[in-house]
Amino acid sequence: MAALQSASELELAQLIVTSLNLEGVQPTDIEPEAPLFKTGLGLDSIDALELSLEISKRYGFQIRSDDENNVRIFSSLRSLAEHIQQNKADR
């Protein structure tokens, strides 16, 4: 059975779908624990750059391309949402 998305995960899933123009993908289709890259959603490094830019615009902090934690941060919707919650600027 699919895990339910939290409100912050759903918001992030909507950002992923709209910013990357993922045709045929609904935000609710993105499994919180499923991989975002290669298997799973099938994103690539260009998608990661675009997503990082959108995250910095929306949440007010940078995800640096040379951060050694990026593999973990971008491993799933849930891990990315948790990273955003820990680092976003108060708005």
PDB file of N, CA and C in Angstrom:
ATOM      1  N   MET A   1       0.843  -1.195   0.000  1.00  0.00           N
ATOM      2  CA  MET A   1       0.000   0.000   0.000  1.00  0.00           C
ATOM      3  C   MET A   1       0.876   1.242   0.000  1.00  0.00           C
ATOM      4  N   ALA A   2       0.474   2.241  -0.748  1.00  0.00           N
ATOM      5  CA  ALA A   2       1.251   3.463  -0.871  1.00  0.00           C
ATOM      6  C   ALA A   2       1.219   4.260   0.435  1.00  0.00           C
ATOM      7  N   ALA A   3       2.347   4.847   0.753  1.00  0.00           N
ATOM      8  CA  ALA A   3       2.421   5.713   1.924  1.00  0.00           C
ATOM      9  C   ALA A   3       1.755   7.047   1.587  1.00  0.00           C
ATOM     10  N   LEU A   4       1.099   7.642   2.561  1.00  0.00           N
ATOM     11  CA  LEU A   4       0.442   8.917   2.342  1.00  0.00           C
ATOM     12  C   LEU A   4       1.454  10.051   2.406  1.00  0.00           C
ATOM     13  N   GLN A   5       1.244  11.046   1.575  1.00  0.00           N
ATOM     14  CA  GLN A   5       2.094  12.231   1.593  1.00  0.00           C
ATOM     15  C   GLN A   5       1.650  13.162   2.710  1.00  0.00           C
ATOM     16  N   SER A   6       2.628  13.792   3.360  1.00  0.00           N
ATOM     17  CA  SER A   6       2.302  14.854   4.313  1.00  0.00           C
ATOM     18  C   SER A   6       1.970  16.108   3.504  1.00  0.00           C
ATOM     19  N   ALA A   7       1.478  17.136   4.172  1.00  0.00           N
ATOM     20  CA  ALA A   7       1.148  18.386   3.482  1.00  0.00           C
ATOM     21  C   ALA A   7       2.380  18.983   2.811  1.00  0.00           C
ATOM     22  N   SER A   8       3.521  18.954   3.498  1.00  0.00           N
ATOM     23  CA  SER A   8       4.737  19.518   2.904  1.00  0.00           C
ATOM     24  C   SER A   8       5.227  18.672   1.728  1.00  0.00           C
ATOM     25  N   GLU A   9       5.027  17.354   1.805  1.00  0.00           N
ATOM     26  CA  GLU A   9       5.413  16.481   0.686  1.00  0.00           C
ATOM     27  C   GLU A   9       4.518  16.721  -0.528  1.00  0.00           C
ATOM     28  N   LEU A  10       3.225  16.914  -0.291  1.00  0.00           N
ATOM     29  CA  LEU A  10       2.304  17.201  -1.391  1.00  0.00           C
ATOM     30  C   LEU A  10       2.659  18.533  -2.043  1.00  0.00           C
ATOM     31  N   GLU A  11       2.954  19.544  -1.245  1.00  0.00           N
ATOM     32  CA  GLU A  11       3.349  20.852  -1.777  1.00  0.00           C
ATOM     33  C   GLU A  11       4.599  20.706  -2.637  1.00  0.00           C
ATOM     34  N   LEU A  12       5.576  19.959  -2.157  1.00  0.00           N
ATOM     35  CA  LEU A  12       6.812  19.737  -2.897  1.00  0.00           C
ATOM     36  C   LEU A  12       6.549  18.918  -4.161  1.00  0.00           C
ATOM     37  N   ALA A  13       5.696  17.915  -4.079  1.00  0.00           N
ATOM     38  CA  ALA A  13       5.349  17.110  -5.249  1.00  0.00           C
ATOM     39  C   ALA A  13       4.711  17.984  -6.328  1.00  0.00           C
ATOM     40  N   GLN A  14       3.866  18.931  -5.911  1.00  0.00           N
ATOM     41  CA  GLN A  14       3.257  19.855  -6.871  1.00  0.00           C
ATOM     42  C   GLN A  14       4.334  20.727  -7.521  1.00  0.00           C
ATOM     43  N   LEU A  15       5.311  21.178  -6.740  1.00  0.00           N
ATOM     44  CA  LEU A  15       6.415  21.974  -7.269  1.00  0.00           C
ATOM     45  C   LEU A  15       7.224  21.154  -8.281  1.00  0.00           C
ATOM     46  N   ILE A  16       7.494  19.901  -7.963  1.00  0.00           N
ATOM     47  CA  ILE A  16       8.258  19.031  -8.868  1.00  0.00           C
ATOM     48  C   ILE A  16       7.511  18.858 -10.190  1.00  0.00           C
ATOM     49  N   VAL A  17       6.236  18.533 -10.119  1.00  0.00           N
ATOM     50  CA  VAL A  17       5.454  18.280 -11.331  1.00  0.00           C
ATOM     51  C   VAL A  17       5.367  19.535 -12.195  1.00  0.00           C
ATOM     52  N   THR A  18       5.091  20.687 -11.593  1.00  0.00           N
ATOM     53  CA  THR A  18       4.928  21.906 -12.388  1.00  0.00           C
ATOM     54  C   THR A  18       6.268  22.454 -12.886  1.00  0.00           C
ATOM     55  N   SER A  19       7.285  22.477 -12.046  1.00  0.00           N
ATOM     56  CA  SER A  19       8.564  23.064 -12.468  1.00  0.00           C
ATOM     57  C   SER A  19       9.283  22.209 -13.501  1.00  0.00           C
ATOM     58  N   LEU A  20       9.066  20.888 -13.468  1.00  0.00           N
ATOM     59  CA  LEU A  20       9.731  19.999 -14.422  1.00  0.00           C
ATOM     60  C   LEU A  20       8.801  19.576 -15.568  1.00  0.00           C
ATOM     61  N   ASN A  21       7.586  20.143 -15.595  1.00  0.00           N
ATOM     62  CA  ASN A  21       6.622  19.823 -16.652  1.00  0.00           C
ATOM     63  C   ASN A  21       6.464  18.317 -16.856  1.00  0.00           C
ATOM     64  N   LEU A  22       6.212  17.616 -15.773  1.00  0.00           N
ATOM     65  CA  LEU A  22       6.073  16.157 -15.849  1.00  0.00           C
ATOM     66  C   LEU A  22       4.678  15.808 -16.356  1.00  0.00           C
ATOM     67  N   GLU A  23       4.583  15.530 -17.638  1.00  0.00           N
ATOM     68  CA  GLU A  23       3.292  15.211 -18.233  1.00  0.00           C
ATOM     69  C   GLU A  23       2.824  13.838 -17.781  1.00  0.00           C
ATOM     70  N   GLY A  24       1.558  13.743 -17.476  1.00  0.00           N
ATOM     71  CA  GLY A  24       0.983  12.467 -17.085  1.00  0.00           C
ATOM     72  C   GLY A  24       1.281  12.058 -15.651  1.00  0.00           C
ATOM     73  N   VAL A  25       1.932  12.944 -14.889  1.00  0.00           N
ATOM     74  CA  VAL A  25       2.237  12.643 -13.482  1.00  0.00           C
ATOM     75  C   VAL A  25       1.425  13.591 -12.612  1.00  0.00           C
ATOM     76  N   GLN A  26       0.684  13.033 -11.682  1.00  0.00           N
ATOM     77  CA  GLN A  26      -0.037  13.835 -10.698  1.00  0.00           C
ATOM     78  C   GLN A  26       0.819  13.927  -9.437  1.00  0.00           C
ATOM     79  N   PRO A  27       0.780  15.059  -8.720  1.00  0.00           N
ATOM     80  CA  PRO A  27       1.560  15.161  -7.480  1.00  0.00           C
ATOM     81  C   PRO A  27       1.290  14.014  -6.511  1.00  0.00           C
ATOM     82  N   THR A  28       0.045  13.562  -6.466  1.00  0.00           N
ATOM     83  CA  THR A  28      -0.298  12.478  -5.545  1.00  0.00           C
ATOM     84  C   THR A  28       0.245  11.126  -6.012  1.00  0.00           C
ATOM     85  N   ASP A  29       0.731  11.046  -7.258  1.00  0.00           N
ATOM     86  CA  ASP A  29       1.319   9.808  -7.781  1.00  0.00           C
ATOM     87  C   ASP A  29       2.728   9.563  -7.242  1.00  0.00           C
ATOM     88  N   ILE A  30       3.379  10.606  -6.735  1.00  0.00           N
ATOM     89  CA  ILE A  30       4.777  10.489  -6.315  1.00  0.00           C
ATOM     90  C   ILE A  30       4.827   9.878  -4.917  1.00  0.00           C
ATOM     91  N   GLU A  31       5.351   8.661  -4.861  1.00  0.00           N
ATOM     92  CA  GLU A  31       5.480   7.950  -3.583  1.00  0.00           C
ATOM     93  C   GLU A  31       6.502   8.666  -2.699  1.00  0.00           C
ATOM     94  N   PRO A  32       6.180   8.941  -1.423  1.00  0.00           N
ATOM     95  CA  PRO A  32       7.106   9.654  -0.541  1.00  0.00           C
ATOM     96  C   PRO A  32       8.471   8.980  -0.394  1.00  0.00           C
ATOM     97  N   GLU A  33       8.505   7.643  -0.408  1.00  0.00           N
ATOM     98  CA  GLU A  33       9.761   6.921  -0.186  1.00  0.00           C
ATOM     99  C   GLU A  33      10.410   6.424  -1.475  1.00  0.00           C
ATOM    100  N   ALA A  34       9.742   6.588  -2.612  1.00  0.00           N
ATOM    101  CA  ALA A  34      10.285   6.083  -3.879  1.00  0.00           C
ATOM    102  C   ALA A  34      11.434   6.973  -4.358  1.00  0.00           C
ATOM    103  N   PRO A  35      12.398   6.382  -5.058  1.00  0.00           N
ATOM    104  CA  PRO A  35      13.508   7.179  -5.590  1.00  0.00           C
ATOM    105  C   PRO A  35      13.003   8.230  -6.574  1.00  0.00           C
ATOM    106  N   LEU A  36      13.625   9.406  -6.557  1.00  0.00           N
ATOM    107  CA  LEU A  36      13.273  10.447  -7.518  1.00  0.00           C
ATOM    108  C   LEU A  36      14.080  10.289  -8.805  1.00  0.00           C
ATOM    109  N   PHE A  37      15.288   9.746  -8.700  1.00  0.00           N
ATOM    110  CA  PHE A  37      16.191   9.673  -9.839  1.00  0.00           C
ATOM    111  C   PHE A  37      16.344   8.241 -10.330  1.00  0.00           C
ATOM    112  N   LYS A  38      16.699   8.133 -11.611  1.00  0.00           N
ATOM    113  CA  LYS A  38      16.885   6.847 -12.296  1.00  0.00           C
ATOM    114  C   LYS A  38      15.618   6.017 -12.166  1.00  0.00           C
ATOM    115  N   THR A  39      15.584   5.042 -11.261  1.00  0.00           N
ATOM    116  CA  THR A  39      14.347   4.288 -11.052  1.00  0.00           C
ATOM    117  C   THR A  39      13.364   5.218 -10.357  1.00  0.00           C
ATOM    118  N   GLY A  40      12.191   4.791 -10.122  1.00  0.00           N
ATOM    119  CA  GLY A  40      11.202   5.654  -9.469  1.00  0.00           C
ATOM    120  C   GLY A  40      10.694   6.693 -10.449  1.00  0.00           C
ATOM    121  N   LEU A  41      10.822   7.964 -10.109  1.00  0.00           N
ATOM    122  CA  LEU A  41      10.304   9.043 -10.944  1.00  0.00           C
ATOM    123  C   LEU A  41      11.146   9.232 -12.212  1.00  0.00           C
ATOM    124  N   GLY A  42      12.397   8.820 -12.180  1.00  0.00           N
ATOM    125  CA  GLY A  42      13.233   8.855 -13.378  1.00  0.00           C
ATOM    126  C   GLY A  42      13.839  10.211 -13.714  1.00  0.00           C
ATOM    127  N   LEU A  43      14.042  11.050 -12.708  1.00  0.00           N
ATOM    128  CA  LEU A  43      14.653  12.352 -12.958  1.00  0.00           C
ATOM    129  C   LEU A  43      16.140  12.200 -13.256  1.00  0.00           C
ATOM    130  N   ASP A  44      16.727  13.255 -13.851  1.00  0.00           N
ATOM    131  CA  ASP A  44      18.163  13.242 -14.147  1.00  0.00           C
ATOM    132  C   ASP A  44      18.834  14.478 -13.551  1.00  0.00           C
ATOM    133  N   SER A  45      20.120  14.662 -13.842  1.00  0.00           N
ATOM    134  CA  SER A  45      20.883  15.754 -13.219  1.00  0.00           C
ATOM    135  C   SER A  45      20.374  17.129 -13.641  1.00  0.00           C
ATOM    136  N   ILE A  46      19.886  17.263 -14.865  1.00  0.00           N
ATOM    137  CA  ILE A  46      19.316  18.539 -15.297  1.00  0.00           C
ATOM    138  C   ILE A  46      18.061  18.851 -14.481  1.00  0.00           C
ATOM    139  N   ASP A  47      17.249  17.835 -14.259  1.00  0.00           N
ATOM    140  CA  ASP A  47      16.059  18.011 -13.418  1.00  0.00           C
ATOM    141  C   ASP A  47      16.455  18.453 -12.016  1.00  0.00           C
ATOM    142  N   ALA A  48      17.536  17.886 -11.495  1.00  0.00           N
ATOM    143  CA  ALA A  48      17.994  18.263 -10.149  1.00  0.00           C
ATOM    144  C   ALA A  48      18.380  19.731 -10.101  1.00  0.00           C
ATOM    145  N   LEU A  49      19.050  20.222 -11.147  1.00  0.00           N
ATOM    146  CA  LEU A  49      19.425  21.640 -11.191  1.00  0.00           C
ATOM    147  C   LEU A  49      18.191  22.527 -11.236  1.00  0.00           C
ATOM    148  N   GLU A  50      17.243  22.173 -12.093  1.00  0.00           N
ATOM    149  CA  GLU A  50      16.011  22.960 -12.187  1.00  0.00           C
ATOM    150  C   GLU A  50      15.246  22.941 -10.871  1.00  0.00           C
ATOM    151  N   LEU A  51      15.181  21.789 -10.260  1.00  0.00           N
ATOM    152  CA  LEU A  51      14.475  21.647  -8.989  1.00  0.00           C
ATOM    153  C   LEU A  51      15.158  22.455  -7.894  1.00  0.00           C
ATOM    154  N   SER A  52      16.481  22.428  -7.850  1.00  0.00           N
ATOM    155  CA  SER A  52      17.235  23.209  -6.865  1.00  0.00           C
ATOM    156  C   SER A  52      16.944  24.697  -7.017  1.00  0.00           C
ATOM    157  N   LEU A  53      16.866  25.169  -8.258  1.00  0.00           N
ATOM    158  CA  LEU A  53      16.567  26.571  -8.523  1.00  0.00           C
ATOM    159  C   LEU A  53      15.166  26.931  -8.030  1.00  0.00           C
ATOM    160  N   GLU A  54      14.194  26.082  -8.318  1.00  0.00           N
ATOM    161  CA  GLU A  54      12.824  26.327  -7.864  1.00  0.00           C
ATOM    162  C   GLU A  54      12.727  26.302  -6.337  1.00  0.00           C
ATOM    163  N   ILE A  55      13.442  25.382  -5.710  1.00  0.00           N
ATOM    164  CA  ILE A  55      13.440  25.300  -4.245  1.00  0.00           C
ATOM    165  C   ILE A  55      14.031  26.566  -3.651  1.00  0.00           C
ATOM    166  N   SER A  56      15.125  27.069  -4.251  1.00  0.00           N
ATOM    167  CA  SER A  56      15.731  28.286  -3.706  1.00  0.00           C
ATOM    168  C   SER A  56      14.797  29.479  -3.855  1.00  0.00           C
ATOM    169  N   LYS A  57      14.049  29.546  -4.969  1.00  0.00           N
ATOM    170  CA  LYS A  57      13.089  30.639  -5.160  1.00  0.00           C
ATOM    171  C   LYS A  57      11.942  30.543  -4.168  1.00  0.00           C
ATOM    172  N   ARG A  58      11.405  29.343  -4.006  1.00  0.00           N
ATOM    173  CA  ARG A  58      10.219  29.163  -3.181  1.00  0.00           C
ATOM    174  C   ARG A  58      10.529  29.200  -1.698  1.00  0.00           C
ATOM    175  N   TYR A  59      11.646  28.568  -1.283  1.00  0.00           N
ATOM    176  CA  TYR A  59      11.895  28.366   0.146  1.00  0.00           C
ATOM    177  C   TYR A  59      13.042  29.200   0.700  1.00  0.00           C
ATOM    178  N   GLY A  60      13.755  29.934  -0.158  1.00  0.00           N
ATOM    179  CA  GLY A  60      14.723  30.905   0.317  1.00  0.00           C
ATOM    180  C   GLY A  60      16.044  30.350   0.817  1.00  0.00           C
ATOM    181  N   PHE A  61      16.467  29.205   0.304  1.00  0.00           N
ATOM    182  CA  PHE A  61      17.810  28.719   0.628  1.00  0.00           C
ATOM    183  C   PHE A  61      18.354  27.941  -0.553  1.00  0.00           C
ATOM    184  N   GLN A  62      19.677  27.887  -0.645  1.00  0.00           N
ATOM    185  CA  GLN A  62      20.350  27.220  -1.757  1.00  0.00           C
ATOM    186  C   GLN A  62      20.646  25.765  -1.429  1.00  0.00           C
ATOM    187  N   ILE A  63      20.462  24.910  -2.417  1.00  0.00           N
ATOM    188  CA  ILE A  63      20.984  23.545  -2.344  1.00  0.00           C
ATOM    189  C   ILE A  63      22.186  23.551  -3.271  1.00  0.00           C
ATOM    190  N   ARG A  64      23.355  23.483  -2.691  1.00  0.00           N
ATOM    191  CA  ARG A  64      24.584  23.593  -3.474  1.00  0.00           C
ATOM    192  C   ARG A  64      24.841  22.309  -4.259  1.00  0.00           C
ATOM    193  N   SER A  65      25.303  22.479  -5.497  1.00  0.00           N
ATOM    194  CA  SER A  65      25.547  21.312  -6.348  1.00  0.00           C
ATOM    195  C   SER A  65      26.704  20.464  -5.842  1.00  0.00           C
ATOM    196  N   ASP A  66      27.588  21.061  -5.038  1.00  0.00           N
ATOM    197  CA  ASP A  66      28.744  20.310  -4.536  1.00  0.00           C
ATOM    198  C   ASP A  66      28.526  19.764  -3.116  1.00  0.00           C
ATOM    199  N   ASP A  67      27.289  19.834  -2.624  1.00  0.00           N
ATOM    200  CA  ASP A  67      26.993  19.303  -1.287  1.00  0.00           C
ATOM    201  C   ASP A  67      27.066  17.781  -1.323  1.00  0.00           C
ATOM    202  N   GLU A  68      27.916  17.207  -0.475  1.00  0.00           N
ATOM    203  CA  GLU A  68      28.081  15.749  -0.480  1.00  0.00           C
ATOM    204  C   GLU A  68      26.831  15.004  -0.027  1.00  0.00           C
ATOM    205  N   ASN A  69      25.887  15.717   0.566  1.00  0.00           N
ATOM    206  CA  ASN A  69      24.650  15.090   1.026  1.00  0.00           C
ATOM    207  C   ASN A  69      23.543  15.060  -0.033  1.00  0.00           C
ATOM    208  N   ASN A  70      23.815  15.578  -1.232  1.00  0.00           N
ATOM    209  CA  ASN A  70      22.770  15.664  -2.256  1.00  0.00           C
ATOM    210  C   ASN A  70      22.165  14.322  -2.613  1.00  0.00           C
ATOM    211  N   VAL A  71      22.972  13.271  -2.643  1.00  0.00           N
ATOM    212  CA  VAL A  71      22.428  11.952  -2.977  1.00  0.00           C
ATOM    213  C   VAL A  71      21.363  11.565  -1.953  1.00  0.00           C
ATOM    214  N   ARG A  72      21.632  11.832  -0.683  1.00  0.00           N
ATOM    215  CA  ARG A  72      20.651  11.538   0.363  1.00  0.00           C
ATOM    216  C   ARG A  72      19.477  12.520   0.298  1.00  0.00           C
ATOM    217  N   ILE A  73      19.772  13.805   0.144  1.00  0.00           N
ATOM    218  CA  ILE A  73      18.726  14.831   0.129  1.00  0.00           C
ATOM    219  C   ILE A  73      17.723  14.554  -0.985  1.00  0.00           C
ATOM    220  N   PHE A  74      18.221  14.233  -2.171  1.00  0.00           N
ATOM    221  CA  PHE A  74      17.357  14.020  -3.331  1.00  0.00           C
ATOM    222  C   PHE A  74      16.944  12.564  -3.512  1.00  0.00           C
ATOM    223  N   SER A  75      17.166  11.725  -2.511  1.00  0.00           N
ATOM    224  CA  SER A  75      16.882  10.300  -2.681  1.00  0.00           C
ATOM    225  C   SER A  75      15.391  10.013  -2.804  1.00  0.00           C
ATOM    226  N   SER A  76      14.538  10.816  -2.161  1.00  0.00           N
ATOM    227  CA  SER A  76      13.084  10.596  -2.233  1.00  0.00           C
ATOM    228  C   SER A  76      12.361  11.905  -1.944  1.00  0.00           C
ATOM    229  N   LEU A  77      11.090  11.913  -2.244  1.00  0.00           N
ATOM    230  CA  LEU A  77      10.251  13.073  -1.936  1.00  0.00           C
ATOM    231  C   LEU A  77      10.313  13.378  -0.442  1.00  0.00           C
ATOM    232  N   ARG A  78      10.238  12.342   0.377  1.00  0.00           N
ATOM    233  CA  ARG A  78      10.235  12.524   1.823  1.00  0.00           C
ATOM    234  C   ARG A  78      11.545  13.150   2.309  1.00  0.00           C
ATOM    235  N   SER A  79      12.683  12.651   1.839  1.00  0.00           N
ATOM    236  CA  SER A  79      13.963  13.188   2.310  1.00  0.00           C
ATOM    237  C   SER A  79      14.163  14.624   1.836  1.00  0.00           C
ATOM    238  N   LEU A  80      13.713  14.942   0.629  1.00  0.00           N
ATOM    239  CA  LEU A  80      13.822  16.313   0.134  1.00  0.00           C
ATOM    240  C   LEU A  80      12.904  17.245   0.924  1.00  0.00           C
ATOM    241  N   ALA A  81      11.690  16.798   1.206  1.00  0.00           N
ATOM    242  CA  ALA A  81      10.757  17.613   1.998  1.00  0.00           C
ATOM    243  C   ALA A  81      11.301  17.864   3.399  1.00  0.00           C
ATOM    244  N   GLU A  82      11.907  16.850   4.008  1.00  0.00           N
ATOM    245  CA  GLU A  82      12.493  17.019   5.348  1.00  0.00           C
ATOM    246  C   GLU A  82      13.647  18.013   5.318  1.00  0.00           C
ATOM    247  N   HIS A  83      14.471  17.931   4.277  1.00  0.00           N
ATOM    248  CA  HIS A  83      15.602  18.863   4.150  1.00  0.00           C
ATOM    249  C   HIS A  83      15.076  20.300   4.012  1.00  0.00           C
ATOM    250  N   ILE A  84      14.033  20.480   3.223  1.00  0.00           N
ATOM    251  CA  ILE A  84      13.452  21.812   3.055  1.00  0.00           C
ATOM    252  C   ILE A  84      12.900  22.333   4.373  1.00  0.00           C
ATOM    253  N   GLN A  85      12.189  21.489   5.109  1.00  0.00           N
ATOM    254  CA  GLN A  85      11.615  21.916   6.389  1.00  0.00           C
ATOM    255  C   GLN A  85      12.714  22.357   7.366  1.00  0.00           C
ATOM    256  N   GLN A  86      13.867  21.691   7.327  1.00  0.00           N
ATOM    257  CA  GLN A  86      14.967  22.015   8.232  1.00  0.00           C
ATOM    258  C   GLN A  86      15.703  23.289   7.827  1.00  0.00           C
ATOM    259  N   ASN A  87      15.648  23.647   6.556  1.00  0.00           N
ATOM    260  CA  ASN A  87      16.498  24.729   6.059  1.00  0.00           C
ATOM    261  C   ASN A  87      15.784  25.950   5.505  1.00  0.00           C
ATOM    262  N   LYS A  88      14.470  25.872   5.289  1.00  0.00           N
ATOM    263  CA  LYS A  88      13.805  26.976   4.618  1.00  0.00           C
ATOM    264  C   LYS A  88      13.818  28.231   5.474  1.00  0.00           C
ATOM    265  N   ALA A  89      13.857  29.353   4.769  1.00  0.00           N
ATOM    266  CA  ALA A  89      13.791  30.658   5.433  1.00  0.00           C
ATOM    267  C   ALA A  89      12.357  30.881   5.874  1.00  0.00           C
ATOM    268  N   ASP A  90      12.164  31.477   7.018  1.00  0.00           N
ATOM    269  CA  ASP A  90      10.811  31.797   7.477  1.00  0.00           C
ATOM    270  C   ASP A  90      10.220  32.855   6.553  1.00  0.00           C
ATOM    271  N   ARG A  91       9.013  32.581   6.092  1.00  0.00           N
ATOM    272  CA  ARG A  91       8.374  33.518   5.165  1.00  0.00           C
ATOM    273  C   ARG A  91       7.033  33.933   5.691  1.00  0.00           C
TER     274      ARG A  91
END
